[in-house]
Amino acid sequence: MPEPKSRNISSVVHGVSRAERERWNGHRGGVLWFTGLPASGKSTLAALLEQRLHKERVSAYMLDGDNIRAGLSADLGFSPAERSENLRRVAEVAKLLVDAGFVCIAAFISPLSRDRDQARAINGADFHEIYIKASLAACEARDPKGLYRKARAGLLAEFSGVSAPYEPPPSPDLVVHTEQSDIDACVEQSLHHAVRRLARADT
């Protein structure tokens, strides 16, 4: 984790504690970190889960790779160092959302174990790693954005699963098989985990 460049920093204490926010919301906050190959179904599943949690009166917010790179990380490319920095920023934003009492759904390829470990270190016990599992062949067959075709043609460098590695998590908190199950079943599985492990736990 980088050290702040400014030395004139002092922590500001909020007048409302996290515990007070969670009591007001009626549920705990936490991070559901979706990782998986491109086109494994992360963003689709995250958006549907966000809707379901909202219907359950759970304050939830989705962070998605494309949206983050259009704003917060618009200055970053896709080198290993820049990917790591992008995910560090996401983890810090997720931590702020959790402190505000939200369930944060972070949908990012996050291909390297070390970057996911860093996100876990930033968020501690609030972090839940969820592996959105689908084979490379299945993801490449979907290819909704045509990115695999571009990567195979050499038009995209550092593309996870093709020209850059993807390291599956060895012991995720949950595995969702989007290749084997339909989207409704995947949403229900994710919802069950979120409600059981996070949202409806004692506040």
N, C-alpha and C. Protein backbone atom coordinates (compact mmCIF):
# COMPACT_ATOMS: atom_id res chain seq x y z
N MET A 1 0.84 -1.18 0.00
CA MET A 1 0.00 0.00 0.00
C MET A 1 0.88 1.24 0.00
N PRO A 2 0.65 2.19 -0.91
CA PRO A 2 1.52 3.36 -0.97
C PRO A 2 1.36 4.28 0.23
N GLU A 3 2.44 4.92 0.60
CA GLU A 3 2.40 5.91 1.67
C GLU A 3 1.86 7.23 1.12
N PRO A 4 1.03 7.96 1.90
CA PRO A 4 0.56 9.27 1.43
C PRO A 4 1.73 10.21 1.16
N LYS A 5 1.63 10.97 0.07
CA LYS A 5 2.70 11.90 -0.27
C LYS A 5 2.71 13.11 0.67
N SER A 6 1.53 13.49 1.13
CA SER A 6 1.44 14.63 2.04
C SER A 6 1.69 14.18 3.47
N ARG A 7 2.46 14.96 4.21
CA ARG A 7 2.70 14.68 5.62
C ARG A 7 1.76 15.50 6.51
N ASN A 8 0.97 16.37 5.90
CA ASN A 8 0.07 17.23 6.68
C ASN A 8 -1.34 16.65 6.71
N ILE A 9 -1.42 15.39 7.14
CA ILE A 9 -2.69 14.67 7.16
C ILE A 9 -3.01 14.26 8.59
N SER A 10 -4.23 14.52 8.98
CA SER A 10 -4.70 14.04 10.28
C SER A 10 -6.10 13.48 10.11
N SER A 11 -6.36 12.37 10.77
CA SER A 11 -7.64 11.68 10.62
C SER A 11 -8.77 12.51 11.21
N VAL A 12 -9.88 12.56 10.48
CA VAL A 12 -11.08 13.27 10.94
C VAL A 12 -12.09 12.23 11.41
N VAL A 13 -12.55 12.37 12.63
CA VAL A 13 -13.49 11.42 13.21
C VAL A 13 -14.91 11.82 12.83
N HIS A 14 -15.68 10.85 12.32
CA HIS A 14 -17.07 11.10 11.96
C HIS A 14 -17.92 11.27 13.22
N GLY A 15 -18.94 12.10 13.10
CA GLY A 15 -19.88 12.28 14.20
C GLY A 15 -20.91 11.17 14.28
N VAL A 16 -20.97 10.33 13.24
CA VAL A 16 -21.88 9.19 13.21
C VAL A 16 -21.03 7.94 13.01
N SER A 17 -21.15 6.99 13.91
CA SER A 17 -20.33 5.79 13.83
C SER A 17 -20.90 4.80 12.83
N ARG A 18 -20.05 3.86 12.43
CA ARG A 18 -20.53 2.79 11.54
C ARG A 18 -21.64 1.99 12.21
N ALA A 19 -21.47 1.68 13.49
CA ALA A 19 -22.49 0.91 14.20
C ALA A 19 -23.84 1.64 14.19
N GLU A 20 -23.80 2.94 14.35
CA GLU A 20 -25.05 3.72 14.32
C GLU A 20 -25.69 3.67 12.93
N ARG A 21 -24.87 3.75 11.90
CA ARG A 21 -25.40 3.68 10.54
C ARG A 21 -26.03 2.30 10.28
N GLU A 22 -25.36 1.25 10.75
CA GLU A 22 -25.87 -0.10 10.53
C GLU A 22 -27.17 -0.34 11.30
N ARG A 23 -27.27 0.21 12.49
CA ARG A 23 -28.52 0.09 13.23
C ARG A 23 -29.65 0.82 12.50
N TRP A 24 -29.33 1.97 11.94
CA TRP A 24 -30.34 2.74 11.18
C TRP A 24 -30.78 1.95 9.95
N ASN A 25 -29.81 1.34 9.26
CA ASN A 25 -30.12 0.56 8.04
C ASN A 25 -30.82 -0.75 8.36
N GLY A 26 -30.53 -1.31 9.54
CA GLY A 26 -31.09 -2.60 9.89
C GLY A 26 -30.29 -3.78 9.37
N HIS A 27 -29.05 -3.53 8.94
CA HIS A 27 -28.18 -4.61 8.47
C HIS A 27 -26.74 -4.16 8.53
N ARG A 28 -25.83 -5.12 8.44
CA ARG A 28 -24.41 -4.82 8.42
C ARG A 28 -23.95 -4.49 7.01
N GLY A 29 -22.78 -3.86 6.93
CA GLY A 29 -22.14 -3.62 5.64
C GLY A 29 -21.11 -4.68 5.35
N GLY A 30 -20.65 -4.74 4.12
CA GLY A 30 -19.61 -5.68 3.74
C GLY A 30 -19.29 -5.57 2.27
N VAL A 31 -18.23 -6.24 1.86
CA VAL A 31 -17.77 -6.22 0.46
C VAL A 31 -17.94 -7.60 -0.15
N LEU A 32 -18.68 -7.67 -1.24
CA LEU A 32 -18.77 -8.89 -2.04
C LEU A 32 -17.91 -8.65 -3.28
N TRP A 33 -16.73 -9.23 -3.28
CA TRP A 33 -15.74 -8.98 -4.34
C TRP A 33 -15.85 -10.08 -5.39
N PHE A 34 -16.45 -9.75 -6.54
CA PHE A 34 -16.61 -10.71 -7.63
C PHE A 34 -15.35 -10.72 -8.49
N THR A 35 -14.73 -11.89 -8.63
CA THR A 35 -13.57 -12.03 -9.50
C THR A 35 -13.82 -13.16 -10.49
N GLY A 36 -13.30 -13.03 -11.70
CA GLY A 36 -13.47 -14.06 -12.71
C GLY A 36 -12.97 -13.57 -14.05
N LEU A 37 -12.86 -14.47 -14.97
CA LEU A 37 -12.40 -14.13 -16.32
C LEU A 37 -13.33 -13.10 -16.98
N PRO A 38 -12.83 -12.37 -17.99
CA PRO A 38 -13.72 -11.52 -18.77
C PRO A 38 -14.86 -12.34 -19.37
N ALA A 39 -16.07 -11.80 -19.30
CA ALA A 39 -17.29 -12.44 -19.83
C ALA A 39 -17.73 -13.66 -19.02
N SER A 40 -17.24 -13.76 -17.78
CA SER A 40 -17.70 -14.86 -16.91
C SER A 40 -19.08 -14.58 -16.32
N GLY A 41 -19.52 -13.32 -16.39
CA GLY A 41 -20.85 -12.97 -15.89
C GLY A 41 -20.84 -12.09 -14.66
N LYS A 42 -19.69 -11.53 -14.32
CA LYS A 42 -19.55 -10.73 -13.10
C LYS A 42 -20.49 -9.54 -13.08
N SER A 43 -20.44 -8.71 -14.11
CA SER A 43 -21.23 -7.47 -14.12
C SER A 43 -22.72 -7.75 -14.17
N THR A 44 -23.12 -8.72 -15.00
CA THR A 44 -24.54 -9.08 -15.09
C THR A 44 -25.06 -9.55 -13.75
N LEU A 45 -24.32 -10.43 -13.12
CA LEU A 45 -24.73 -10.97 -11.83
C LEU A 45 -24.73 -9.89 -10.76
N ALA A 46 -23.70 -9.03 -10.76
CA ALA A 46 -23.62 -7.97 -9.76
C ALA A 46 -24.80 -7.01 -9.87
N ALA A 47 -25.18 -6.65 -11.09
CA ALA A 47 -26.30 -5.72 -11.28
C ALA A 47 -27.61 -6.34 -10.81
N LEU A 48 -27.81 -7.62 -11.10
CA LEU A 48 -29.04 -8.29 -10.68
C LEU A 48 -29.07 -8.47 -9.17
N LEU A 49 -27.93 -8.78 -8.58
CA LEU A 49 -27.87 -8.93 -7.13
C LEU A 49 -28.14 -7.60 -6.44
N GLU A 50 -27.61 -6.52 -6.99
CA GLU A 50 -27.87 -5.19 -6.43
C GLU A 50 -29.38 -4.91 -6.40
N GLN A 51 -30.07 -5.26 -7.48
CA GLN A 51 -31.52 -5.06 -7.54
C GLN A 51 -32.24 -5.90 -6.49
N ARG A 52 -31.83 -7.16 -6.35
CA ARG A 52 -32.48 -8.05 -5.40
C ARG A 52 -32.25 -7.58 -3.96
N LEU A 53 -31.04 -7.16 -3.66
CA LEU A 53 -30.76 -6.65 -2.32
C LEU A 53 -31.59 -5.41 -2.02
N HIS A 54 -31.74 -4.55 -3.03
CA HIS A 54 -32.56 -3.35 -2.84
C HIS A 54 -34.01 -3.73 -2.51
N LYS A 55 -34.52 -4.75 -3.19
CA LYS A 55 -35.88 -5.21 -2.91
C LYS A 55 -35.99 -5.79 -1.51
N GLU A 56 -34.88 -6.32 -1.00
CA GLU A 56 -34.85 -6.85 0.36
C GLU A 56 -34.58 -5.75 1.39
N ARG A 57 -34.58 -4.51 0.94
CA ARG A 57 -34.34 -3.34 1.79
C ARG A 57 -32.92 -3.34 2.37
N VAL A 58 -31.99 -3.83 1.56
CA VAL A 58 -30.57 -3.78 1.91
C VAL A 58 -29.92 -2.68 1.09
N SER A 59 -29.24 -1.78 1.76
CA SER A 59 -28.53 -0.71 1.05
C SER A 59 -27.31 -1.30 0.37
N ALA A 60 -27.33 -1.37 -0.94
CA ALA A 60 -26.26 -2.00 -1.71
C ALA A 60 -25.85 -1.09 -2.85
N TYR A 61 -24.56 -1.18 -3.21
CA TYR A 61 -24.06 -0.38 -4.33
C TYR A 61 -23.02 -1.19 -5.08
N MET A 62 -23.16 -1.20 -6.40
CA MET A 62 -22.24 -1.96 -7.26
C MET A 62 -21.13 -1.06 -7.80
N LEU A 63 -19.91 -1.54 -7.72
CA LEU A 63 -18.77 -0.93 -8.38
C LEU A 63 -18.35 -1.83 -9.53
N ASP A 64 -18.30 -1.28 -10.74
CA ASP A 64 -17.99 -2.08 -11.92
C ASP A 64 -16.76 -1.52 -12.62
N GLY A 65 -16.00 -2.42 -13.23
CA GLY A 65 -14.73 -2.02 -13.84
C GLY A 65 -14.85 -0.92 -14.87
N ASP A 66 -15.79 -1.02 -15.80
CA ASP A 66 -15.92 -0.01 -16.84
C ASP A 66 -16.29 1.35 -16.25
N ASN A 67 -17.19 1.36 -15.27
CA ASN A 67 -17.61 2.62 -14.66
C ASN A 67 -16.46 3.28 -13.90
N ILE A 68 -15.70 2.49 -13.18
CA ILE A 68 -14.57 3.04 -12.42
C ILE A 68 -13.51 3.60 -13.37
N ARG A 69 -13.25 2.90 -14.46
CA ARG A 69 -12.23 3.35 -15.39
C ARG A 69 -12.68 4.55 -16.22
N ALA A 70 -13.97 4.82 -16.23
CA ALA A 70 -14.45 6.02 -16.92
C ALA A 70 -14.32 7.26 -16.05
N GLY A 71 -14.06 7.07 -14.75
CA GLY A 71 -14.00 8.21 -13.85
C GLY A 71 -12.81 8.15 -12.92
N LEU A 72 -12.97 7.45 -11.81
CA LEU A 72 -11.95 7.41 -10.77
C LEU A 72 -10.59 6.98 -11.29
N SER A 73 -10.57 6.01 -12.20
CA SER A 73 -9.30 5.50 -12.72
C SER A 73 -9.10 5.82 -14.20
N ALA A 74 -9.66 6.93 -14.63
CA ALA A 74 -9.53 7.33 -16.04
C ALA A 74 -8.07 7.58 -16.44
N ASP A 75 -7.21 7.81 -15.47
CA ASP A 75 -5.80 8.09 -15.74
C ASP A 75 -4.95 6.83 -15.83
N LEU A 76 -5.56 5.66 -15.63
CA LEU A 76 -4.79 4.42 -15.58
C LEU A 76 -4.97 3.57 -16.83
N GLY A 77 -3.91 2.88 -17.21
CA GLY A 77 -3.98 1.93 -18.31
C GLY A 77 -4.11 0.52 -17.77
N PHE A 78 -3.52 -0.45 -18.50
CA PHE A 78 -3.72 -1.85 -18.14
C PHE A 78 -2.40 -2.59 -17.91
N SER A 79 -1.35 -1.87 -17.59
CA SER A 79 -0.11 -2.54 -17.19
C SER A 79 -0.35 -3.19 -15.83
N PRO A 80 0.46 -4.17 -15.46
CA PRO A 80 0.28 -4.80 -14.14
C PRO A 80 0.26 -3.79 -12.99
N ALA A 81 1.14 -2.80 -13.03
CA ALA A 81 1.19 -1.80 -11.96
C ALA A 81 -0.08 -0.95 -11.94
N GLU A 82 -0.58 -0.59 -13.13
CA GLU A 82 -1.78 0.25 -13.20
C GLU A 82 -3.03 -0.54 -12.82
N ARG A 83 -3.06 -1.80 -13.17
CA ARG A 83 -4.18 -2.65 -12.74
C ARG A 83 -4.20 -2.76 -11.22
N SER A 84 -3.03 -2.94 -10.63
CA SER A 84 -2.94 -3.05 -9.19
C SER A 84 -3.42 -1.78 -8.51
N GLU A 85 -3.02 -0.64 -9.04
CA GLU A 85 -3.45 0.64 -8.48
C GLU A 85 -4.95 0.84 -8.64
N ASN A 86 -5.49 0.45 -9.77
CA ASN A 86 -6.93 0.55 -9.98
C ASN A 86 -7.68 -0.25 -8.91
N LEU A 87 -7.24 -1.46 -8.65
CA LEU A 87 -7.92 -2.31 -7.67
C LEU A 87 -7.71 -1.80 -6.24
N ARG A 88 -6.56 -1.20 -5.98
CA ARG A 88 -6.34 -0.59 -4.66
C ARG A 88 -7.35 0.54 -4.43
N ARG A 89 -7.55 1.37 -5.45
CA ARG A 89 -8.53 2.45 -5.35
C ARG A 89 -9.93 1.90 -5.11
N VAL A 90 -10.27 0.85 -5.85
CA VAL A 90 -11.59 0.24 -5.69
C VAL A 90 -11.77 -0.28 -4.26
N ALA A 91 -10.75 -0.95 -3.74
CA ALA A 91 -10.84 -1.49 -2.39
C ALA A 91 -11.02 -0.38 -1.36
N GLU A 92 -10.36 0.75 -1.57
CA GLU A 92 -10.50 1.87 -0.63
C GLU A 92 -11.91 2.48 -0.73
N VAL A 93 -12.46 2.58 -1.94
CA VAL A 93 -13.82 3.07 -2.10
C VAL A 93 -14.81 2.11 -1.44
N ALA A 94 -14.58 0.81 -1.64
CA ALA A 94 -15.44 -0.20 -1.02
C ALA A 94 -15.42 -0.05 0.50
N LYS A 95 -14.27 0.21 1.05
CA LYS A 95 -14.14 0.38 2.50
C LYS A 95 -14.98 1.57 2.98
N LEU A 96 -14.96 2.66 2.21
CA LEU A 96 -15.77 3.83 2.57
C LEU A 96 -17.26 3.50 2.52
N LEU A 97 -17.68 2.74 1.50
CA LEU A 97 -19.08 2.37 1.39
C LEU A 97 -19.51 1.48 2.55
N VAL A 98 -18.64 0.57 2.94
CA VAL A 98 -18.95 -0.30 4.08
C VAL A 98 -19.06 0.52 5.36
N ASP A 99 -18.18 1.47 5.53
CA ASP A 99 -18.22 2.34 6.71
C ASP A 99 -19.52 3.14 6.74
N ALA A 100 -20.07 3.41 5.56
CA ALA A 100 -21.36 4.12 5.47
C ALA A 100 -22.54 3.18 5.66
N GLY A 101 -22.27 1.88 5.84
CA GLY A 101 -23.33 0.93 6.11
C GLY A 101 -23.84 0.18 4.91
N PHE A 102 -23.14 0.26 3.77
CA PHE A 102 -23.59 -0.38 2.54
C PHE A 102 -23.00 -1.77 2.38
N VAL A 103 -23.70 -2.60 1.62
CA VAL A 103 -23.11 -3.80 1.04
C VAL A 103 -22.57 -3.39 -0.33
N CYS A 104 -21.27 -3.47 -0.50
CA CYS A 104 -20.62 -3.08 -1.75
C CYS A 104 -20.35 -4.32 -2.59
N ILE A 105 -20.87 -4.32 -3.82
CA ILE A 105 -20.62 -5.41 -4.76
C ILE A 105 -19.58 -4.91 -5.76
N ALA A 106 -18.37 -5.44 -5.68
CA ALA A 106 -17.28 -5.00 -6.55
C ALA A 106 -17.04 -6.06 -7.62
N ALA A 107 -17.32 -5.72 -8.87
CA ALA A 107 -17.22 -6.69 -9.97
C ALA A 107 -16.00 -6.35 -10.84
N PHE A 108 -14.91 -7.06 -10.61
CA PHE A 108 -13.65 -6.77 -11.29
C PHE A 108 -12.94 -8.09 -11.62
N ILE A 109 -12.31 -8.14 -12.78
CA ILE A 109 -11.55 -9.33 -13.15
C ILE A 109 -10.55 -9.63 -12.03
N SER A 110 -9.85 -8.61 -11.58
CA SER A 110 -8.83 -8.74 -10.51
C SER A 110 -8.07 -10.06 -10.66
N PRO A 111 -7.26 -10.16 -11.72
CA PRO A 111 -6.71 -11.47 -12.11
C PRO A 111 -5.63 -12.03 -11.19
N LEU A 112 -4.96 -11.18 -10.41
CA LEU A 112 -3.82 -11.66 -9.63
C LEU A 112 -4.19 -11.80 -8.15
N SER A 113 -3.74 -12.88 -7.57
CA SER A 113 -4.02 -13.14 -6.15
C SER A 113 -3.51 -12.03 -5.26
N ARG A 114 -2.34 -11.47 -5.59
CA ARG A 114 -1.77 -10.46 -4.70
C ARG A 114 -2.65 -9.21 -4.62
N ASP A 115 -3.32 -8.87 -5.72
CA ASP A 115 -4.19 -7.69 -5.70
C ASP A 115 -5.47 -7.97 -4.92
N ARG A 116 -6.00 -9.18 -5.04
CA ARG A 116 -7.16 -9.54 -4.23
C ARG A 116 -6.80 -9.63 -2.76
N ASP A 117 -5.60 -10.11 -2.47
CA ASP A 117 -5.13 -10.16 -1.08
C ASP A 117 -5.01 -8.75 -0.51
N GLN A 118 -4.56 -7.82 -1.34
CA GLN A 118 -4.45 -6.43 -0.89
C GLN A 118 -5.84 -5.86 -0.60
N ALA A 119 -6.81 -6.16 -1.46
CA ALA A 119 -8.18 -5.70 -1.23
C ALA A 119 -8.74 -6.28 0.06
N ARG A 120 -8.43 -7.54 0.34
CA ARG A 120 -8.86 -8.15 1.58
C ARG A 120 -8.18 -7.48 2.78
N ALA A 121 -6.90 -7.20 2.64
CA ALA A 121 -6.18 -6.55 3.74
C ALA A 121 -6.76 -5.17 4.05
N ILE A 122 -7.17 -4.45 3.02
CA ILE A 122 -7.75 -3.11 3.22
C ILE A 122 -9.09 -3.21 3.94
N ASN A 123 -9.87 -4.25 3.60
CA ASN A 123 -11.24 -4.35 4.14
C ASN A 123 -11.39 -5.34 5.29
N GLY A 124 -10.39 -6.14 5.55
CA GLY A 124 -10.43 -7.03 6.70
C GLY A 124 -11.56 -8.03 6.64
N ALA A 125 -12.19 -8.25 7.79
CA ALA A 125 -13.23 -9.28 7.91
C ALA A 125 -14.48 -8.95 7.11
N ASP A 126 -14.60 -7.71 6.62
CA ASP A 126 -15.76 -7.32 5.82
C ASP A 126 -15.67 -7.83 4.38
N PHE A 127 -14.51 -8.38 4.01
CA PHE A 127 -14.25 -8.76 2.62
C PHE A 127 -14.67 -10.20 2.36
N HIS A 128 -15.45 -10.40 1.29
CA HIS A 128 -15.87 -11.73 0.88
C HIS A 128 -15.51 -11.92 -0.60
N GLU A 129 -14.60 -12.84 -0.85
CA GLU A 129 -14.14 -13.11 -2.21
C GLU A 129 -15.08 -14.13 -2.86
N ILE A 130 -15.69 -13.75 -3.98
CA ILE A 130 -16.64 -14.61 -4.67
C ILE A 130 -16.11 -14.87 -6.09
N TYR A 131 -15.84 -16.13 -6.35
CA TYR A 131 -15.28 -16.53 -7.65
C TYR A 131 -16.42 -16.81 -8.61
N ILE A 132 -16.54 -15.99 -9.65
CA ILE A 132 -17.52 -16.19 -10.70
C ILE A 132 -16.86 -17.10 -11.73
N LYS A 133 -17.19 -18.37 -11.65
CA LYS A 133 -16.42 -19.39 -12.36
C LYS A 133 -17.06 -19.79 -13.68
N ALA A 134 -16.26 -19.69 -14.74
CA ALA A 134 -16.63 -20.19 -16.06
C ALA A 134 -15.33 -20.47 -16.80
N SER A 135 -15.34 -21.48 -17.64
CA SER A 135 -14.12 -21.85 -18.36
C SER A 135 -13.77 -20.76 -19.39
N LEU A 136 -12.50 -20.75 -19.76
CA LEU A 136 -12.06 -19.81 -20.79
C LEU A 136 -12.84 -20.02 -22.08
N ALA A 137 -13.09 -21.27 -22.43
CA ALA A 137 -13.84 -21.57 -23.66
C ALA A 137 -15.25 -20.99 -23.61
N ALA A 138 -15.91 -21.13 -22.47
CA ALA A 138 -17.27 -20.59 -22.33
C ALA A 138 -17.27 -19.07 -22.40
N CYS A 139 -16.32 -18.45 -21.73
CA CYS A 139 -16.24 -16.98 -21.75
C CYS A 139 -15.94 -16.46 -23.15
N GLU A 140 -15.05 -17.16 -23.82
CA GLU A 140 -14.68 -16.74 -25.17
C GLU A 140 -15.85 -16.94 -26.14
N ALA A 141 -16.67 -17.95 -25.90
CA ALA A 141 -17.83 -18.16 -26.76
C ALA A 141 -18.87 -17.07 -26.56
N ARG A 142 -18.98 -16.55 -25.33
CA ARG A 142 -19.92 -15.45 -25.07
C ARG A 142 -19.40 -14.16 -25.71
N ASP A 143 -18.25 -13.70 -25.25
CA ASP A 143 -17.53 -12.54 -25.80
C ASP A 143 -18.46 -11.41 -26.21
N PRO A 144 -19.29 -10.87 -25.30
CA PRO A 144 -20.29 -9.86 -25.69
C PRO A 144 -19.70 -8.57 -26.25
N LYS A 145 -18.48 -8.23 -25.84
CA LYS A 145 -17.85 -6.99 -26.30
C LYS A 145 -16.86 -7.23 -27.44
N GLY A 146 -16.67 -8.49 -27.83
CA GLY A 146 -15.71 -8.79 -28.88
C GLY A 146 -14.26 -8.63 -28.44
N LEU A 147 -14.03 -8.64 -27.13
CA LEU A 147 -12.68 -8.40 -26.63
C LEU A 147 -11.75 -9.60 -26.83
N TYR A 148 -12.30 -10.80 -26.71
CA TYR A 148 -11.46 -11.98 -26.94
C TYR A 148 -10.98 -12.02 -28.39
N ARG A 149 -11.87 -11.69 -29.30
CA ARG A 149 -11.47 -11.67 -30.72
C ARG A 149 -10.34 -10.67 -30.95
N LYS A 150 -10.45 -9.51 -30.32
CA LYS A 150 -9.39 -8.51 -30.46
C LYS A 150 -8.09 -9.00 -29.82
N ALA A 151 -8.22 -9.64 -28.65
CA ALA A 151 -7.02 -10.14 -27.97
C ALA A 151 -6.33 -11.23 -28.79
N ARG A 152 -7.12 -12.13 -29.38
CA ARG A 152 -6.55 -13.20 -30.21
C ARG A 152 -5.89 -12.64 -31.46
N ALA A 153 -6.39 -11.49 -31.91
CA ALA A 153 -5.82 -10.86 -33.09
C ALA A 153 -4.62 -9.98 -32.75
N GLY A 154 -4.27 -9.91 -31.48
CA GLY A 154 -3.13 -9.11 -31.06
C GLY A 154 -3.43 -7.63 -30.92
N LEU A 155 -4.72 -7.28 -30.89
CA LEU A 155 -5.11 -5.87 -30.81
C LEU A 155 -5.26 -5.38 -29.38
N LEU A 156 -5.31 -6.32 -28.43
CA LEU A 156 -5.41 -5.97 -27.01
C LEU A 156 -4.26 -6.64 -26.26
N ALA A 157 -3.43 -5.83 -25.63
CA ALA A 157 -2.35 -6.37 -24.82
C ALA A 157 -2.83 -6.58 -23.39
N GLU A 158 -2.15 -7.44 -22.67
CA GLU A 158 -2.44 -7.68 -21.25
C GLU A 158 -3.90 -8.04 -21.03
N PHE A 159 -4.43 -8.95 -21.86
CA PHE A 159 -5.83 -9.36 -21.72
C PHE A 159 -5.89 -10.66 -20.92
N SER A 160 -6.57 -10.61 -19.79
CA SER A 160 -6.59 -11.74 -18.86
C SER A 160 -7.15 -13.00 -19.52
N GLY A 161 -6.41 -14.09 -19.37
CA GLY A 161 -6.82 -15.36 -19.92
C GLY A 161 -6.25 -15.64 -21.29
N VAL A 162 -5.77 -14.59 -21.97
CA VAL A 162 -5.21 -14.76 -23.32
C VAL A 162 -3.75 -14.33 -23.33
N SER A 163 -3.50 -13.04 -23.16
CA SER A 163 -2.13 -12.52 -23.19
C SER A 163 -1.63 -12.10 -21.81
N ALA A 164 -2.42 -12.34 -20.78
CA ALA A 164 -2.04 -12.07 -19.40
C ALA A 164 -2.69 -13.14 -18.52
N PRO A 165 -2.07 -13.45 -17.39
CA PRO A 165 -2.60 -14.55 -16.57
C PRO A 165 -3.88 -14.18 -15.82
N TYR A 166 -4.67 -15.21 -15.53
CA TYR A 166 -5.73 -15.10 -14.54
C TYR A 166 -5.49 -16.19 -13.50
N GLU A 167 -5.37 -15.80 -12.24
CA GLU A 167 -5.10 -16.73 -11.15
C GLU A 167 -6.39 -16.99 -10.38
N PRO A 168 -7.03 -18.15 -10.56
CA PRO A 168 -8.26 -18.43 -9.82
C PRO A 168 -8.00 -18.42 -8.32
N PRO A 169 -8.93 -17.92 -7.53
CA PRO A 169 -8.72 -17.92 -6.07
C PRO A 169 -8.70 -19.34 -5.53
N PRO A 170 -7.71 -19.68 -4.70
CA PRO A 170 -7.61 -21.05 -4.18
C PRO A 170 -8.66 -21.39 -3.13
N SER A 171 -9.12 -20.39 -2.38
CA SER A 171 -10.09 -20.66 -1.32
C SER A 171 -11.06 -19.49 -1.17
N PRO A 172 -11.89 -19.26 -2.19
CA PRO A 172 -12.85 -18.15 -2.12
C PRO A 172 -13.94 -18.43 -1.08
N ASP A 173 -14.62 -17.37 -0.67
CA ASP A 173 -15.73 -17.53 0.28
C ASP A 173 -16.95 -18.15 -0.38
N LEU A 174 -17.03 -18.02 -1.70
CA LEU A 174 -18.15 -18.58 -2.44
C LEU A 174 -17.73 -18.79 -3.89
N VAL A 175 -18.16 -19.88 -4.50
CA VAL A 175 -17.95 -20.12 -5.93
C VAL A 175 -19.31 -20.15 -6.61
N VAL A 176 -19.48 -19.32 -7.64
CA VAL A 176 -20.72 -19.28 -8.41
C VAL A 176 -20.39 -19.77 -9.82
N HIS A 177 -20.98 -20.90 -10.22
CA HIS A 177 -20.67 -21.53 -11.51
C HIS A 177 -21.64 -20.98 -12.58
N THR A 178 -21.24 -19.92 -13.24
CA THR A 178 -22.12 -19.33 -14.25
C THR A 178 -22.19 -20.14 -15.53
N GLU A 179 -21.25 -21.06 -15.70
CA GLU A 179 -21.29 -21.93 -16.88
C GLU A 179 -22.27 -23.09 -16.66
N GLN A 180 -22.43 -23.51 -15.42
CA GLN A 180 -23.26 -24.68 -15.11
C GLN A 180 -24.68 -24.31 -14.71
N SER A 181 -24.88 -23.12 -14.17
CA SER A 181 -26.19 -22.71 -13.65
C SER A 181 -26.72 -21.51 -14.41
N ASP A 182 -28.05 -21.40 -14.48
CA ASP A 182 -28.61 -20.23 -15.15
C ASP A 182 -28.49 -19.00 -14.25
N ILE A 183 -28.73 -17.83 -14.83
CA ILE A 183 -28.47 -16.58 -14.12
C ILE A 183 -29.35 -16.44 -12.89
N ASP A 184 -30.59 -16.92 -12.95
CA ASP A 184 -31.48 -16.80 -11.78
C ASP A 184 -30.94 -17.61 -10.61
N ALA A 185 -30.45 -18.81 -10.89
CA ALA A 185 -29.88 -19.64 -9.82
C ALA A 185 -28.62 -19.00 -9.24
N CYS A 186 -27.82 -18.37 -10.09
CA CYS A 186 -26.60 -17.69 -9.62
C CYS A 186 -26.94 -16.50 -8.74
N VAL A 187 -27.97 -15.76 -9.11
CA VAL A 187 -28.41 -14.63 -8.29
C VAL A 187 -28.89 -15.12 -6.93
N GLU A 188 -29.69 -16.19 -6.92
CA GLU A 188 -30.21 -16.72 -5.66
C GLU A 188 -29.07 -17.20 -4.76
N GLN A 189 -28.08 -17.84 -5.34
CA GLN A 189 -26.94 -18.32 -4.56
C GLN A 189 -26.19 -17.15 -3.94
N SER A 190 -25.96 -16.11 -4.74
CA SER A 190 -25.25 -14.92 -4.26
C SER A 190 -26.06 -14.19 -3.21
N LEU A 191 -27.38 -14.10 -3.43
CA LEU A 191 -28.26 -13.43 -2.48
C LEU A 191 -28.25 -14.16 -1.14
N HIS A 192 -28.32 -15.47 -1.19
CA HIS A 192 -28.32 -16.26 0.04
C HIS A 192 -27.05 -16.00 0.84
N HIS A 193 -25.92 -15.97 0.16
CA HIS A 193 -24.65 -15.72 0.83
C HIS A 193 -24.65 -14.32 1.45
N ALA A 194 -25.11 -13.33 0.68
CA ALA A 194 -25.09 -11.95 1.16
C ALA A 194 -25.98 -11.78 2.39
N VAL A 195 -27.15 -12.35 2.34
CA VAL A 195 -28.09 -12.19 3.46
C VAL A 195 -27.61 -12.98 4.67
N ARG A 196 -27.11 -14.20 4.44
CA ARG A 196 -26.69 -15.04 5.57
C ARG A 196 -25.41 -14.54 6.22
N ARG A 197 -24.45 -14.10 5.40
CA ARG A 197 -23.14 -13.73 5.93
C ARG A 197 -23.00 -12.26 6.27
N LEU A 198 -23.84 -11.41 5.64
CA LEU A 198 -23.66 -9.97 5.83
C LEU A 198 -24.93 -9.29 6.30
N ALA A 199 -25.85 -9.13 5.37
CA ALA A 199 -26.91 -8.15 5.58
C ALA A 199 -27.78 -8.42 6.79
N ARG A 200 -28.15 -9.67 7.04
CA ARG A 200 -29.08 -9.93 8.13
C ARG A 200 -28.41 -10.45 9.39
N ALA A 201 -27.09 -10.38 9.42
CA ALA A 201 -26.41 -10.75 10.65
C ALA A 201 -26.74 -9.71 11.72
N ASP A 202 -26.52 -10.07 12.97
CA ASP A 202 -26.84 -9.15 14.06
C ASP A 202 -26.03 -7.86 13.90
N THR A 203 -26.70 -6.72 14.12
CA THR A 203 -26.01 -5.43 14.02
C THR A 203 -25.67 -4.93 15.40
